Amino acid sequence: MVHKPSAEAARELTWFKSSYSDSSSGNDCVEVATAPGVVHIRDSKSVPGPLLGFTPATWAAFLTYASER
């Protein structure tokens, strides 16, 4: 993990859901927000809950790995 943003900073991020999200369960998804030097990840069912933060390189490596599975 990179760092934990304050609750206010987390609210100011622009969050988006994967285009692969099941629209019938609109809140059952992982959301992503980018900021300089970090990619934030959260559970859309628990918006005020914990966030994960990854470097862009680590996130890109994960996406490559996940897309091959």
C-alpha atoms as a PDB file:
ATOM      1  CA  MET A   1       0.000   0.000   0.000  1.00  0.00           C
ATOM      2  CA  VAL A   2       1.108   3.527  -0.650  1.00  0.00           C
ATOM      3  CA  HIS A   3      -0.679   5.713   1.893  1.00  0.00           C
ATOM      4  CA  LYS A   4      -4.029   6.356   3.558  1.00  0.00           C
ATOM      5  CA  PRO A   5      -5.728   9.541   2.377  1.00  0.00           C
ATOM      6  CA  SER A   6      -7.871  11.492   4.792  1.00  0.00           C
ATOM      7  CA  ALA A   7     -11.628  10.923   4.626  1.00  0.00           C
ATOM      8  CA  GLU A   8     -12.062  14.328   2.997  1.00  0.00           C
ATOM      9  CA  ALA A   9      -9.372  13.641   0.384  1.00  0.00           C
ATOM     10  CA  ALA A  10     -10.993  10.280  -0.416  1.00  0.00           C
ATOM     11  CA  ARG A  11     -14.352  11.995  -1.019  1.00  0.00           C
ATOM     12  CA  GLU A  12     -12.706  14.408  -3.472  1.00  0.00           C
ATOM     13  CA  LEU A  13     -11.353  11.611  -5.666  1.00  0.00           C
ATOM     14  CA  THR A  14     -13.210  10.759  -8.871  1.00  0.00           C
ATOM     15  CA  TRP A  15     -14.254   7.117  -8.510  1.00  0.00           C
ATOM     16  CA  PHE A  16     -15.270   4.832 -11.355  1.00  0.00           C
ATOM     17  CA  LYS A  17     -16.399   1.236 -11.709  1.00  0.00           C
ATOM     18  CA  SER A  18     -15.172  -1.359 -14.138  1.00  0.00           C
ATOM     19  CA  SER A  19     -17.014  -1.666 -17.420  1.00  0.00           C
ATOM     20  CA  TYR A  20     -17.230  -5.372 -16.523  1.00  0.00           C
ATOM     21  CA  SER A  21     -19.410  -4.626 -13.480  1.00  0.00           C
ATOM     22  CA  ASP A  22     -22.750  -6.395 -13.385  1.00  0.00           C
ATOM     23  CA  SER A  23     -25.301  -3.608 -13.804  1.00  0.00           C
ATOM     24  CA  SER A  24     -27.999  -5.703 -12.092  1.00  0.00           C
ATOM     25  CA  SER A  25     -26.041  -5.372  -8.833  1.00  0.00           C
ATOM     26  CA  GLY A  26     -24.938  -1.768  -9.178  1.00  0.00           C
ATOM     27  CA  ASN A  27     -23.130  -1.596  -5.853  1.00  0.00           C
ATOM     28  CA  ASP A  28     -21.345  -4.969  -5.982  1.00  0.00           C
ATOM     29  CA  CYS A  29     -18.140  -3.717  -7.445  1.00  0.00           C
ATOM     30  CA  VAL A  30     -14.626  -2.525  -6.881  1.00  0.00           C
ATOM     31  CA  GLU A  31     -14.149   1.176  -7.591  1.00  0.00           C
ATOM     32  CA  VAL A  32     -10.927   2.860  -8.685  1.00  0.00           C
ATOM     33  CA  ALA A  33      -9.710   6.450  -8.419  1.00  0.00           C
ATOM     34  CA  THR A  34      -6.377   7.784  -9.587  1.00  0.00           C
ATOM     35  CA  ALA A  35      -4.263  10.544  -8.094  1.00  0.00           C
ATOM     36  CA  PRO A  36      -0.670  11.564  -8.787  1.00  0.00           C
ATOM     37  CA  GLY A  37       1.503   8.565  -7.948  1.00  0.00           C
ATOM     38  CA  VAL A  38      -1.251   6.337  -6.552  1.00  0.00           C
ATOM     39  CA  VAL A  39      -4.219   4.246  -7.692  1.00  0.00           C
ATOM     40  CA  HIS A  40      -6.887   3.953  -4.982  1.00  0.00           C
ATOM     41  CA  ILE A  41      -9.216   0.947  -4.738  1.00  0.00           C
ATOM     42  CA  ARG A  42     -12.383   0.605  -2.613  1.00  0.00           C
ATOM     43  CA  ASP A  43     -15.405  -1.649  -2.215  1.00  0.00           C
ATOM     44  CA  SER A  44     -18.490   0.132  -3.562  1.00  0.00           C
ATOM     45  CA  LYS A  45     -20.623  -1.537  -0.860  1.00  0.00           C
ATOM     46  CA  SER A  46     -18.514   0.159   1.818  1.00  0.00           C
ATOM     47  CA  VAL A  47     -17.714   3.628   0.480  1.00  0.00           C
ATOM     48  CA  PRO A  48     -16.607   5.057   3.844  1.00  0.00           C
ATOM     49  CA  GLY A  49     -14.608   1.895   4.540  1.00  0.00           C
ATOM     50  CA  PRO A  50     -10.931   1.212   3.964  1.00  0.00           C
ATOM     51  CA  LEU A  51      -9.050   2.042   0.778  1.00  0.00           C
ATOM     52  CA  LEU A  52      -6.114   0.311  -0.792  1.00  0.00           C
ATOM     53  CA  GLY A  53      -3.477   2.349  -2.556  1.00  0.00           C
ATOM     54  CA  PHE A  54      -1.010   1.051  -5.140  1.00  0.00           C
ATOM     55  CA  THR A  55       1.699   2.596  -7.260  1.00  0.00           C
ATOM     56  CA  PRO A  56       0.667   2.892 -10.910  1.00  0.00           C
ATOM     57  CA  ALA A  57       3.291   0.273 -11.855  1.00  0.00           C
ATOM     58  CA  THR A  58       1.954  -2.220  -9.317  1.00  0.00           C
ATOM     59  CA  TRP A  59      -1.636  -1.632 -10.463  1.00  0.00           C
ATOM     60  CA  ALA A  60      -0.645  -2.066 -14.117  1.00  0.00           C
ATOM     61  CA  ALA A  61       1.118  -5.337 -13.270  1.00  0.00           C
ATOM     62  CA  PHE A  62      -2.000  -6.566 -11.457  1.00  0.00           C
ATOM     63  CA  LEU A  63      -4.243  -5.681 -14.409  1.00  0.00           C
ATOM     64  CA  THR A  64      -1.953  -7.541 -16.781  1.00  0.00           C
ATOM     65  CA  TYR A  65      -1.963 -10.568 -14.481  1.00  0.00           C
ATOM     66  CA  ALA A  66      -5.754 -10.478 -13.990  1.00  0.00           C
ATOM     67  CA  SER A  67      -6.478 -10.103 -17.707  1.00  0.00           C
ATOM     68  CA  GLU A  68      -4.524 -13.274 -18.421  1.00  0.00           C
ATOM     69  CA  ARG A  69      -6.634 -15.370 -16.022  1.00  0.00           C
END
